[in-house]
Amino acid sequence: MRRFLGAMDRIVATSPNYFAASEELARCKEKVCVIPIGIDKDSYPTCSDEKVQVWRSQFGPVFCLCRRVTLLQRIAYSP
């Protein structure tokens, strides 16, 4: 990994937390650029509290995770 990262001109980390937690990236911190991935929630329309209550009464609490599950995210998964 060190050889591979050492050969790179720039390295993109997808979150400040990922960069901070990675010992490998710390060794080549001058090459790392953090570019967060995600959704800008300000670009989406808002929903009224009444409408939210209607949805919650029909479906209950909802949790959505739109990404692959990896060890780094520390999400417990059992099929």
PDB file of N, CA and C in Angstrom:
ATOM      1  N   MET A   1       0.823  -1.186   0.000  1.00  0.00           N
ATOM      2  CA  MET A   1       0.000   0.000   0.000  1.00  0.00           C
ATOM      3  C   MET A   1       0.875   1.261   0.000  1.00  0.00           C
ATOM      4  N   ARG A   2       1.923   1.235   0.792  1.00  0.00           N
ATOM      5  CA  ARG A   2       2.807   2.422   0.840  1.00  0.00           C
ATOM      6  C   ARG A   2       3.416   2.717  -0.518  1.00  0.00           C
ATOM      7  N   ARG A   3       3.820   1.663  -1.196  1.00  0.00           N
ATOM      8  CA  ARG A   3       4.420   1.841  -2.524  1.00  0.00           C
ATOM      9  C   ARG A   3       3.393   2.396  -3.502  1.00  0.00           C
ATOM     10  N   PHE A   4       2.192   1.852  -3.449  1.00  0.00           N
ATOM     11  CA  PHE A   4       1.119   2.305  -4.334  1.00  0.00           C
ATOM     12  C   PHE A   4       0.787   3.773  -4.073  1.00  0.00           C
ATOM     13  N   LEU A   5       0.552   4.128  -2.808  1.00  0.00           N
ATOM     14  CA  LEU A   5       0.215   5.515  -2.473  1.00  0.00           C
ATOM     15  C   LEU A   5       1.389   6.452  -2.733  1.00  0.00           C
ATOM     16  N   GLY A   6       2.591   5.945  -2.536  1.00  0.00           N
ATOM     17  CA  GLY A   6       3.776   6.757  -2.796  1.00  0.00           C
ATOM     18  C   GLY A   6       3.930   7.127  -4.262  1.00  0.00           C
ATOM     19  N   ALA A   7       3.400   6.296  -5.143  1.00  0.00           N
ATOM     20  CA  ALA A   7       3.494   6.557  -6.581  1.00  0.00           C
ATOM     21  C   ALA A   7       2.439   7.548  -7.072  1.00  0.00           C
ATOM     22  N   MET A   8       1.473   7.876  -6.236  1.00  0.00           N
ATOM     23  CA  MET A   8       0.394   8.774  -6.635  1.00  0.00           C
ATOM     24  C   MET A   8       0.823  10.243  -6.522  1.00  0.00           C
ATOM     25  N   ASP A   9       0.315  11.074  -7.453  1.00  0.00           N
ATOM     26  CA  ASP A   9       0.542  12.521  -7.359  1.00  0.00           C
ATOM     27  C   ASP A   9      -0.401  13.148  -6.337  1.00  0.00           C
ATOM     28  N   ARG A  10      -1.652  12.711  -6.344  1.00  0.00           N
ATOM     29  CA  ARG A  10      -2.678  13.202  -5.406  1.00  0.00           C
ATOM     30  C   ARG A  10      -3.505  12.014  -4.958  1.00  0.00           C
ATOM     31  N   ILE A  11      -4.037  12.099  -3.743  1.00  0.00           N
ATOM     32  CA  ILE A  11      -4.888  11.055  -3.186  1.00  0.00           C
ATOM     33  C   ILE A  11      -6.163  11.725  -2.680  1.00  0.00           C
ATOM     34  N   VAL A  12      -7.308  11.191  -3.056  1.00  0.00           N
ATOM     35  CA  VAL A  12      -8.594  11.756  -2.630  1.00  0.00           C
ATOM     36  C   VAL A  12      -9.166  10.897  -1.513  1.00  0.00           C
ATOM     37  N   ALA A  13      -9.428  11.537  -0.377  1.00  0.00           N
ATOM     38  CA  ALA A  13     -10.149  10.898   0.728  1.00  0.00           C
ATOM     39  C   ALA A  13     -11.573  11.435   0.695  1.00  0.00           C
ATOM     40  N   THR A  14     -12.545  10.579   0.947  1.00  0.00           N
ATOM     41  CA  THR A  14     -13.945  10.990   0.799  1.00  0.00           C
ATOM     42  C   THR A  14     -14.562  11.574   2.061  1.00  0.00           C
ATOM     43  N   SER A  15     -13.789  11.673   3.137  1.00  0.00           N
ATOM     44  CA  SER A  15     -14.288  12.351   4.331  1.00  0.00           C
ATOM     45  C   SER A  15     -13.120  12.730   5.226  1.00  0.00           C
ATOM     46  N   PRO A  16     -13.258  13.804   5.988  1.00  0.00           N
ATOM     47  CA  PRO A  16     -12.196  14.179   6.924  1.00  0.00           C
ATOM     48  C   PRO A  16     -11.967  13.087   7.968  1.00  0.00           C
ATOM     49  N   ASN A  17     -13.035  12.406   8.395  1.00  0.00           N
ATOM     50  CA  ASN A  17     -12.907  11.338   9.386  1.00  0.00           C
ATOM     51  C   ASN A  17     -12.097  10.173   8.830  1.00  0.00           C
ATOM     52  N   TYR A  18     -12.346   9.823   7.579  1.00  0.00           N
ATOM     53  CA  TYR A  18     -11.592   8.732   6.937  1.00  0.00           C
ATOM     54  C   TYR A  18     -10.110   9.084   6.879  1.00  0.00           C
ATOM     55  N   PHE A  19      -9.818  10.294   6.493  1.00  0.00           N
ATOM     56  CA  PHE A  19      -8.429  10.751   6.422  1.00  0.00           C
ATOM     57  C   PHE A  19      -7.777  10.720   7.807  1.00  0.00           C
ATOM     58  N   ALA A  20      -8.484  11.199   8.814  1.00  0.00           N
ATOM     59  CA  ALA A  20      -7.944  11.253  10.171  1.00  0.00           C
ATOM     60  C   ALA A  20      -7.715   9.856  10.757  1.00  0.00           C
ATOM     61  N   ALA A  21      -8.538   8.893  10.360  1.00  0.00           N
ATOM     62  CA  ALA A  21      -8.452   7.543  10.921  1.00  0.00           C
ATOM     63  C   ALA A  21      -7.464   6.642  10.188  1.00  0.00           C
ATOM     64  N   SER A  22      -6.975   7.066   9.058  1.00  0.00           N
ATOM     65  CA  SER A  22      -6.126   6.207   8.236  1.00  0.00           C
ATOM     66  C   SER A  22      -4.641   6.454   8.512  1.00  0.00           C
ATOM     67  N   GLU A  23      -3.972   5.435   9.026  1.00  0.00           N
ATOM     68  CA  GLU A  23      -2.528   5.531   9.249  1.00  0.00           C
ATOM     69  C   GLU A  23      -1.773   5.625   7.922  1.00  0.00           C
ATOM     70  N   GLU A  24      -2.269   4.926   6.917  1.00  0.00           N
ATOM     71  CA  GLU A  24      -1.607   4.954   5.604  1.00  0.00           C
ATOM     72  C   GLU A  24      -1.675   6.347   4.984  1.00  0.00           C
ATOM     73  N   LEU A  25      -2.831   6.995   5.075  1.00  0.00           N
ATOM     74  CA  LEU A  25      -2.960   8.337   4.507  1.00  0.00           C
ATOM     75  C   LEU A  25      -2.165   9.361   5.304  1.00  0.00           C
ATOM     76  N   ALA A  26      -2.008   9.131   6.599  1.00  0.00           N
ATOM     77  CA  ALA A  26      -1.227  10.052   7.428  1.00  0.00           C
ATOM     78  C   ALA A  26       0.230  10.095   6.981  1.00  0.00           C
ATOM     79  N   ARG A  27       0.726   8.976   6.457  1.00  0.00           N
ATOM     80  CA  ARG A  27       2.121   8.913   5.997  1.00  0.00           C
ATOM     81  C   ARG A  27       2.365   9.767   4.750  1.00  0.00           C
ATOM     82  N   CYS A  28       1.305  10.029   3.998  1.00  0.00           N
ATOM     83  CA  CYS A  28       1.469  10.840   2.780  1.00  0.00           C
ATOM     84  C   CYS A  28       0.462  11.989   2.782  1.00  0.00           C
ATOM     85  N   LYS A  29       0.325  12.636   3.943  1.00  0.00           N
ATOM     86  CA  LYS A  29      -0.697  13.672   4.120  1.00  0.00           C
ATOM     87  C   LYS A  29      -0.552  14.852   3.168  1.00  0.00           C
ATOM     88  N   GLU A  30       0.662  15.122   2.691  1.00  0.00           N
ATOM     89  CA  GLU A  30       0.848  16.246   1.773  1.00  0.00           C
ATOM     90  C   GLU A  30       0.208  15.992   0.406  1.00  0.00           C
ATOM     91  N   LYS A  31      -0.090  14.742   0.092  1.00  0.00           N
ATOM     92  CA  LYS A  31      -0.720  14.393  -1.186  1.00  0.00           C
ATOM     93  C   LYS A  31      -2.237  14.289  -1.086  1.00  0.00           C
ATOM     94  N   VAL A  32      -2.778  14.287   0.145  1.00  0.00           N
ATOM     95  CA  VAL A  32      -4.203  14.004   0.349  1.00  0.00           C
ATOM     96  C   VAL A  32      -5.051  15.258   0.204  1.00  0.00           C
ATOM     97  N   CYS A  33      -6.129  15.105  -0.524  1.00  0.00           N
ATOM     98  CA  CYS A  33      -7.140  16.145  -0.677  1.00  0.00           C
ATOM     99  C   CYS A  33      -8.473  15.525  -0.263  1.00  0.00           C
ATOM    100  N   VAL A  34      -9.187  16.158   0.673  1.00  0.00           N
ATOM    101  CA  VAL A  34     -10.472  15.626   1.129  1.00  0.00           C
ATOM    102  C   VAL A  34     -11.587  16.224   0.278  1.00  0.00           C
ATOM    103  N   ILE A  35     -12.335  15.353  -0.391  1.00  0.00           N
ATOM    104  CA  ILE A  35     -13.493  15.762  -1.187  1.00  0.00           C
ATOM    105  C   ILE A  35     -14.683  14.952  -0.682  1.00  0.00           C
ATOM    106  N   PRO A  36     -15.499  15.541   0.200  1.00  0.00           N
ATOM    107  CA  PRO A  36     -16.629  14.788   0.758  1.00  0.00           C
ATOM    108  C   PRO A  36     -17.644  14.403  -0.315  1.00  0.00           C
ATOM    109  N   ILE A  37     -18.212  13.219  -0.140  1.00  0.00           N
ATOM    110  CA  ILE A  37     -19.294  12.790  -1.012  1.00  0.00           C
ATOM    111  C   ILE A  37     -20.586  12.885  -0.220  1.00  0.00           C
ATOM    112  N   GLY A  38     -21.666  13.074  -0.892  1.00  0.00           N
ATOM    113  CA  GLY A  38     -22.938  13.155  -0.189  1.00  0.00           C
ATOM    114  C   GLY A  38     -23.936  13.989  -0.952  1.00  0.00           C
ATOM    115  N   ILE A  39     -25.007  14.271  -0.287  1.00  0.00           N
ATOM    116  CA  ILE A  39     -26.113  15.016  -0.879  1.00  0.00           C
ATOM    117  C   ILE A  39     -26.239  16.346  -0.158  1.00  0.00           C
ATOM    118  N   ASP A  40     -26.385  17.398  -0.915  1.00  0.00           N
ATOM    119  CA  ASP A  40     -26.624  18.714  -0.330  1.00  0.00           C
ATOM    120  C   ASP A  40     -28.105  18.813  -0.017  1.00  0.00           C
ATOM    121  N   LYS A  41     -28.456  18.604   1.258  1.00  0.00           N
ATOM    122  CA  LYS A  41     -29.880  18.569   1.611  1.00  0.00           C
ATOM    123  C   LYS A  41     -30.562  19.917   1.436  1.00  0.00           C
ATOM    124  N   ASP A  42     -29.803  20.997   1.350  1.00  0.00           N
ATOM    125  CA  ASP A  42     -30.408  22.311   1.108  1.00  0.00           C
ATOM    126  C   ASP A  42     -30.948  22.440  -0.312  1.00  0.00           C
ATOM    127  N   SER A  43     -30.534  21.550  -1.214  1.00  0.00           N
ATOM    128  CA  SER A  43     -31.008  21.623  -2.597  1.00  0.00           C
ATOM    129  C   SER A  43     -32.351  20.906  -2.789  1.00  0.00           C
ATOM    130  N   TYR A  44     -32.859  20.265  -1.733  1.00  0.00           N
ATOM    131  CA  TYR A  44     -34.134  19.552  -1.807  1.00  0.00           C
ATOM    132  C   TYR A  44     -35.249  20.357  -1.162  1.00  0.00           C
ATOM    133  N   PRO A  45     -36.475  20.216  -1.660  1.00  0.00           N
ATOM    134  CA  PRO A  45     -37.600  20.944  -1.042  1.00  0.00           C
ATOM    135  C   PRO A  45     -37.858  20.423   0.370  1.00  0.00           C
ATOM    136  N   THR A  46     -38.388  21.290   1.211  1.00  0.00           N
ATOM    137  CA  THR A  46     -38.715  20.884   2.575  1.00  0.00           C
ATOM    138  C   THR A  46     -40.141  20.347   2.621  1.00  0.00           C
ATOM    139  N   CYS A  47     -40.427  19.650   3.685  1.00  0.00           N
ATOM    140  CA  CYS A  47     -41.734  19.031   3.863  1.00  0.00           C
ATOM    141  C   CYS A  47     -42.368  19.599   5.133  1.00  0.00           C
ATOM    142  N   SER A  48     -43.659  19.834   5.110  1.00  0.00           N
ATOM    143  CA  SER A  48     -44.341  20.385   6.284  1.00  0.00           C
ATOM    144  C   SER A  48     -44.374  19.353   7.412  1.00  0.00           C
ATOM    145  N   ASP A  49     -44.466  19.840   8.642  1.00  0.00           N
ATOM    146  CA  ASP A  49     -44.542  18.947   9.797  1.00  0.00           C
ATOM    147  C   ASP A  49     -45.774  18.057   9.738  1.00  0.00           C
ATOM    148  N   GLU A  50     -46.869  18.591   9.209  1.00  0.00           N
ATOM    149  CA  GLU A  50     -48.096  17.796   9.100  1.00  0.00           C
ATOM    150  C   GLU A  50     -47.898  16.598   8.169  1.00  0.00           C
ATOM    151  N   LYS A  51     -47.239  16.857   7.059  1.00  0.00           N
ATOM    152  CA  LYS A  51     -47.007  15.780   6.095  1.00  0.00           C
ATOM    153  C   LYS A  51     -46.061  14.716   6.681  1.00  0.00           C
ATOM    154  N   VAL A  52     -45.072  15.166   7.427  1.00  0.00           N
ATOM    155  CA  VAL A  52     -44.147  14.240   8.077  1.00  0.00           C
ATOM    156  C   VAL A  52     -44.903  13.346   9.055  1.00  0.00           C
ATOM    157  N   GLN A  53     -45.817  13.926   9.822  1.00  0.00           N
ATOM    158  CA  GLN A  53     -46.589  13.143  10.786  1.00  0.00           C
ATOM    159  C   GLN A  53     -47.474  12.107  10.089  1.00  0.00           C
ATOM    160  N   VAL A  54     -48.044  12.474   8.945  1.00  0.00           N
ATOM    161  CA  VAL A  54     -48.865  11.524   8.187  1.00  0.00           C
ATOM    162  C   VAL A  54     -48.008  10.342   7.748  1.00  0.00           C
ATOM    163  N   TRP A  55     -46.828  10.605   7.208  1.00  0.00           N
ATOM    164  CA  TRP A  55     -45.929   9.538   6.766  1.00  0.00           C
ATOM    165  C   TRP A  55     -45.490   8.664   7.940  1.00  0.00           C
ATOM    166  N   ARG A  56     -45.165   9.305   9.060  1.00  0.00           N
ATOM    167  CA  ARG A  56     -44.730   8.529  10.231  1.00  0.00           C
ATOM    168  C   ARG A  56     -45.852   7.659  10.780  1.00  0.00           C
ATOM    169  N   SER A  57     -47.080   8.161  10.716  1.00  0.00           N
ATOM    170  CA  SER A  57     -48.194   7.356  11.222  1.00  0.00           C
ATOM    171  C   SER A  57     -48.455   6.147  10.325  1.00  0.00           C
ATOM    172  N   GLN A  58     -48.163   6.264   9.031  1.00  0.00           N
ATOM    173  CA  GLN A  58     -48.379   5.164   8.098  1.00  0.00           C
ATOM    174  C   GLN A  58     -47.218   4.166   8.088  1.00  0.00           C
ATOM    175  N   PHE A  59     -45.979   4.661   8.204  1.00  0.00           N
ATOM    176  CA  PHE A  59     -44.811   3.795   8.012  1.00  0.00           C
ATOM    177  C   PHE A  59     -43.930   3.636   9.245  1.00  0.00           C
ATOM    178  N   GLY A  60     -44.122   4.453  10.266  1.00  0.00           N
ATOM    179  CA  GLY A  60     -43.253   4.398  11.438  1.00  0.00           C
ATOM    180  C   GLY A  60     -41.909   5.021  11.134  1.00  0.00           C
ATOM    181  N   PRO A  61     -40.931   4.798  12.006  1.00  0.00           N
ATOM    182  CA  PRO A  61     -39.605   5.379  11.761  1.00  0.00           C
ATOM    183  C   PRO A  61     -38.927   4.709  10.562  1.00  0.00           C
ATOM    184  N   VAL A  62     -38.220   5.496   9.788  1.00  0.00           N
ATOM    185  CA  VAL A  62     -37.550   4.989   8.593  1.00  0.00           C
ATOM    186  C   VAL A  62     -36.074   5.350   8.676  1.00  0.00           C
ATOM    187  N   PHE A  63     -35.230   4.377   8.359  1.00  0.00           N
ATOM    188  CA  PHE A  63     -33.788   4.605   8.310  1.00  0.00           C
ATOM    189  C   PHE A  63     -33.312   4.210   6.922  1.00  0.00           C
ATOM    190  N   CYS A  64     -32.610   5.098   6.264  1.00  0.00           N
ATOM    191  CA  CYS A  64     -32.129   4.822   4.915  1.00  0.00           C
ATOM    192  C   CYS A  64     -30.631   5.091   4.861  1.00  0.00           C
ATOM    193  N   LEU A  65     -29.885   4.120   4.401  1.00  0.00           N
ATOM    194  CA  LEU A  65     -28.448   4.263   4.234  1.00  0.00           C
ATOM    195  C   LEU A  65     -28.123   3.910   2.790  1.00  0.00           C
ATOM    196  N   CYS A  66     -27.777   4.895   2.002  1.00  0.00           N
ATOM    197  CA  CYS A  66     -27.526   4.683   0.577  1.00  0.00           C
ATOM    198  C   CYS A  66     -26.024   4.598   0.325  1.00  0.00           C
ATOM    199  N   ARG A  67     -25.452   3.458   0.684  1.00  0.00           N
ATOM    200  CA  ARG A  67     -24.038   3.203   0.438  1.00  0.00           C
ATOM    201  C   ARG A  67     -23.745   1.753   0.742  1.00  0.00           C
ATOM    202  N   ARG A  68     -22.592   1.336   0.401  1.00  0.00           N
ATOM    203  CA  ARG A  68     -22.236  -0.043   0.717  1.00  0.00           C
ATOM    204  C   ARG A  68     -21.786  -0.103   2.173  1.00  0.00           C
ATOM    205  N   VAL A  69     -22.034  -1.201   2.804  1.00  0.00           N
ATOM    206  CA  VAL A  69     -21.668  -1.382   4.198  1.00  0.00           C
ATOM    207  C   VAL A  69     -20.229  -1.887   4.266  1.00  0.00           C
ATOM    208  N   THR A  70     -19.376  -1.141   4.961  1.00  0.00           N
ATOM    209  CA  THR A  70     -17.988  -1.536   5.130  1.00  0.00           C
ATOM    210  C   THR A  70     -17.624  -1.516   6.604  1.00  0.00           C
ATOM    211  N   LEU A  71     -16.528  -2.140   6.934  1.00  0.00           N
ATOM    212  CA  LEU A  71     -16.081  -2.204   8.315  1.00  0.00           C
ATOM    213  C   LEU A  71     -15.832  -0.813   8.883  1.00  0.00           C
ATOM    214  N   LEU A  72     -15.288   0.091   8.079  1.00  0.00           N
ATOM    215  CA  LEU A  72     -14.960   1.427   8.563  1.00  0.00           C
ATOM    216  C   LEU A  72     -16.195   2.164   9.073  1.00  0.00           C
ATOM    217  N   GLN A  73     -17.350   1.908   8.489  1.00  0.00           N
ATOM    218  CA  GLN A  73     -18.575   2.591   8.901  1.00  0.00           C
ATOM    219  C   GLN A  73     -19.128   2.036  10.214  1.00  0.00           C
ATOM    220  N   ARG A  74     -18.596   0.921  10.667  1.00  0.00           N
ATOM    221  CA  ARG A  74     -18.966   0.297  11.937  1.00  0.00           C
ATOM    222  C   ARG A  74     -20.472   0.106  12.074  1.00  0.00           C
ATOM    223  N   ILE A  75     -21.052  -0.451  11.032  1.00  0.00           N
ATOM    224  CA  ILE A  75     -22.472  -0.757  11.028  1.00  0.00           C
ATOM    225  C   ILE A  75     -22.608  -2.265  11.172  1.00  0.00           C
ATOM    226  N   ALA A  76     -23.324  -2.701  12.194  1.00  0.00           N
ATOM    227  CA  ALA A  76     -23.512  -4.127  12.404  1.00  0.00           C
ATOM    228  C   ALA A  76     -24.486  -4.654  11.353  1.00  0.00           C
ATOM    229  N   TYR A  77     -24.106  -5.735  10.696  1.00  0.00           N
ATOM    230  CA  TYR A  77     -24.942  -6.318   9.642  1.00  0.00           C
ATOM    231  C   TYR A  77     -24.976  -7.812   9.823  1.00  0.00           C
ATOM    232  N   SER A  78     -26.153  -8.366   9.886  1.00  0.00           N
ATOM    233  CA  SER A  78     -26.264  -9.827   9.926  1.00  0.00           C
ATOM    234  C   SER A  78     -27.363 -10.248   8.976  1.00  0.00           C
ATOM    235  N   PRO A  79     -27.012 -11.028   7.950  1.00  0.00           N
ATOM    236  CA  PRO A  79     -27.998 -11.433   6.935  1.00  0.00           C
ATOM    237  C   PRO A  79     -29.061 -12.360   7.472  1.00  0.00           C
TER     238      PRO A  79
END
